[in-house]
C-alpha atoms as a PDB file:
ATOM      1  CA  UNK A   1       8.913 -18.189  -7.446  1.00  0.00           C
ATOM      2  CA  UNK A   2       6.203 -18.310  -4.787  1.00  0.00           C
ATOM      3  CA  UNK A   3       5.956 -22.102  -4.953  1.00  0.00           C
ATOM      4  CA  UNK A   4       9.693 -22.732  -5.336  1.00  0.00           C
ATOM      5  CA  UNK A   5      11.505 -22.989  -1.994  1.00  0.00           C
ATOM      6  CA  UNK A   6      14.932 -21.449  -1.781  1.00  0.00           C
ATOM      7  CA  UNK A   7      16.882 -18.234  -1.290  1.00  0.00           C
ATOM      8  CA  UNK A   8      15.265 -16.280  -4.142  1.00  0.00           C
ATOM      9  CA  UNK A   9      11.765 -16.936  -2.844  1.00  0.00           C
ATOM     10  CA  UNK A  10      12.887 -16.199   0.707  1.00  0.00           C
ATOM     11  CA  UNK A  11      14.355 -12.845  -0.352  1.00  0.00           C
ATOM     12  CA  UNK A  12      11.243 -11.877  -2.327  1.00  0.00           C
ATOM     13  CA  UNK A  13       9.029 -12.836   0.629  1.00  0.00           C
ATOM     14  CA  UNK A  14      11.193 -10.863   3.060  1.00  0.00           C
ATOM     15  CA  UNK A  15      11.036  -7.807   0.817  1.00  0.00           C
ATOM     16  CA  UNK A  16       7.254  -8.095   0.596  1.00  0.00           C
ATOM     17  CA  UNK A  17       6.908  -8.441   4.369  1.00  0.00           C
ATOM     18  CA  UNK A  18       9.144  -5.409   4.897  1.00  0.00           C
ATOM     19  CA  UNK A  19       7.047  -3.352   2.493  1.00  0.00           C
ATOM     20  CA  UNK A  20       3.750  -4.181   4.141  1.00  0.00           C
ATOM     21  CA  UNK A  21       5.311  -3.636   7.592  1.00  0.00           C
ATOM     22  CA  UNK A  22       6.489  -0.153   6.577  1.00  0.00           C
ATOM     23  CA  UNK A  23       3.057   0.794   5.254  1.00  0.00           C
ATOM     24  CA  UNK A  24       1.408  -0.613   8.383  1.00  0.00           C
ATOM     25  CA  UNK A  25       3.720   1.461  10.586  1.00  0.00           C
ATOM     26  CA  UNK A  26       2.934   4.598   8.577  1.00  0.00           C
ATOM     27  CA  UNK A  27      -0.809   3.983   8.855  1.00  0.00           C
ATOM     28  CA  UNK A  28      -0.479   3.418  12.622  1.00  0.00           C
ATOM     29  CA  UNK A  29       1.473   6.665  12.973  1.00  0.00           C
ATOM     30  CA  UNK A  30      -1.104   8.599  10.962  1.00  0.00           C
ATOM     31  CA  UNK A  31      -3.877   7.104  13.061  1.00  0.00           C
ATOM     32  CA  UNK A  32      -2.128   8.071  16.322  1.00  0.00           C
ATOM     33  CA  UNK A  33      -1.719  11.617  14.999  1.00  0.00           C
ATOM     34  CA  UNK A  34      -5.425  11.783  14.252  1.00  0.00           C
ATOM     35  CA  UNK A  35      -4.913  11.943  10.490  1.00  0.00           C
ATOM     36  CA  UNK A  36      -6.726   8.634   9.915  1.00  0.00           C
ATOM     37  CA  UNK A  37     -10.007   7.827  11.652  1.00  0.00           C
ATOM     38  CA  UNK A  38      -9.751   5.672  14.774  1.00  0.00           C
ATOM     39  CA  UNK A  39     -12.338   3.190  13.461  1.00  0.00           C
ATOM     40  CA  UNK A  40     -10.165   2.232  10.470  1.00  0.00           C
ATOM     41  CA  UNK A  41      -8.593  -1.220  10.697  1.00  0.00           C
ATOM     42  CA  UNK A  42      -4.877  -0.590  10.187  1.00  0.00           C
ATOM     43  CA  UNK A  43      -3.956  -3.948   8.661  1.00  0.00           C
ATOM     44  CA  UNK A  44      -6.791  -3.756   6.127  1.00  0.00           C
ATOM     45  CA  UNK A  45      -5.847  -0.268   4.957  1.00  0.00           C
ATOM     46  CA  UNK A  46      -2.163  -1.208   4.778  1.00  0.00           C
ATOM     47  CA  UNK A  47      -3.080  -4.278   2.715  1.00  0.00           C
ATOM     48  CA  UNK A  48      -5.096  -2.159   0.284  1.00  0.00           C
ATOM     49  CA  UNK A  49      -2.374   0.466  -0.128  1.00  0.00           C
ATOM     50  CA  UNK A  50       0.253  -2.234  -0.627  1.00  0.00           C
ATOM     51  CA  UNK A  51      -1.974  -3.979  -3.178  1.00  0.00           C
ATOM     52  CA  UNK A  52      -2.302  -0.797  -5.244  1.00  0.00           C
ATOM     53  CA  UNK A  53       1.467  -0.353  -5.264  1.00  0.00           C
ATOM     54  CA  UNK A  54       2.139  -3.979  -6.167  1.00  0.00           C
ATOM     55  CA  UNK A  55      -0.393  -3.923  -9.000  1.00  0.00           C
ATOM     56  CA  UNK A  56       1.181  -0.759 -10.378  1.00  0.00           C
ATOM     57  CA  UNK A  57       4.577  -2.439 -10.316  1.00  0.00           C
ATOM     58  CA  UNK A  58       3.204  -5.560 -12.011  1.00  0.00           C
ATOM     59  CA  UNK A  59       1.372  -3.583 -14.688  1.00  0.00           C
ATOM     60  CA  UNK A  60       4.283  -1.259 -15.390  1.00  0.00           C
ATOM     61  CA  UNK A  61       7.047  -3.846 -15.551  1.00  0.00           C
ATOM     62  CA  UNK A  62       5.282  -6.888 -16.948  1.00  0.00           C
ATOM     63  CA  UNK A  63       2.457  -5.382 -18.983  1.00  0.00           C
ATOM     64  CA  UNK A  64       4.267  -2.221 -20.166  1.00  0.00           C
ATOM     65  CA  UNK A  65       1.409  -0.094 -18.839  1.00  0.00           C
ATOM     66  CA  UNK A  66       2.874   3.399 -18.578  1.00  0.00           C
ATOM     67  CA  UNK A  67      -0.276   4.731 -16.900  1.00  0.00           C
ATOM     68  CA  UNK A  68      -0.237   2.225 -14.049  1.00  0.00           C
ATOM     69  CA  UNK A  69       1.637   4.465 -11.648  1.00  0.00           C
ATOM     70  CA  UNK A  70      -0.801   7.328 -12.077  1.00  0.00           C
ATOM     71  CA  UNK A  71      -3.807   5.022 -11.674  1.00  0.00           C
ATOM     72  CA  UNK A  72      -2.286   3.585  -8.496  1.00  0.00           C
ATOM     73  CA  UNK A  73      -1.681   7.099  -7.193  1.00  0.00           C
ATOM     74  CA  UNK A  74      -5.321   7.979  -7.899  1.00  0.00           C
ATOM     75  CA  UNK A  75      -6.509   4.835  -6.080  1.00  0.00           C
ATOM     76  CA  UNK A  76      -4.233   5.487  -3.106  1.00  0.00           C
ATOM     77  CA  UNK A  77      -5.336   9.124  -2.889  1.00  0.00           C
ATOM     78  CA  UNK A  78      -8.993   8.003  -2.945  1.00  0.00           C
ATOM     79  CA  UNK A  79      -8.378   5.406  -0.225  1.00  0.00           C
ATOM     80  CA  UNK A  80      -6.648   7.961   1.995  1.00  0.00           C
ATOM     81  CA  UNK A  81      -9.385  10.532   1.411  1.00  0.00           C
ATOM     82  CA  UNK A  82     -11.953   7.916   2.446  1.00  0.00           C
ATOM     83  CA  UNK A  83     -10.243   7.251   5.794  1.00  0.00           C
ATOM     84  CA  UNK A  84      -8.890  10.706   6.581  1.00  0.00           C
ATOM     85  CA  UNK A  85     -10.146  12.837   9.443  1.00  0.00           C
ATOM     86  CA  UNK A  86     -10.393  16.106   7.489  1.00  0.00           C
ATOM     87  CA  UNK A  87     -12.788  17.152   4.749  1.00  0.00           C
ATOM     88  CA  UNK A  88     -10.071  16.584   2.179  1.00  0.00           C
ATOM     89  CA  UNK A  89      -8.842  13.344   3.733  1.00  0.00           C
ATOM     90  CA  UNK A  90      -5.138  12.842   4.246  1.00  0.00           C
ATOM     91  CA  UNK A  91      -2.775  15.062   2.277  1.00  0.00           C
ATOM     92  CA  UNK A  92      -0.782  13.211  -0.348  1.00  0.00           C
END
């Protein structure tokens, strides 16, 4: 649908933008609270977290990969630990 103009594509695109915006806002909040290091680029981290979630969705629904959600959770936890301000990273 990404190359087909129309209301379905527009709705899918709007949903995607809303998802990435929500993650970006959460990352910004965590950074302001000191939970994520100040040197972390918010948009990059939000992109990565969103990508893990989208891949899990793709793999689960289209590829029938029942382990995709757990692998995405592991990847997200690792990403947050990498950018967190505590020894353990950010709590999940």
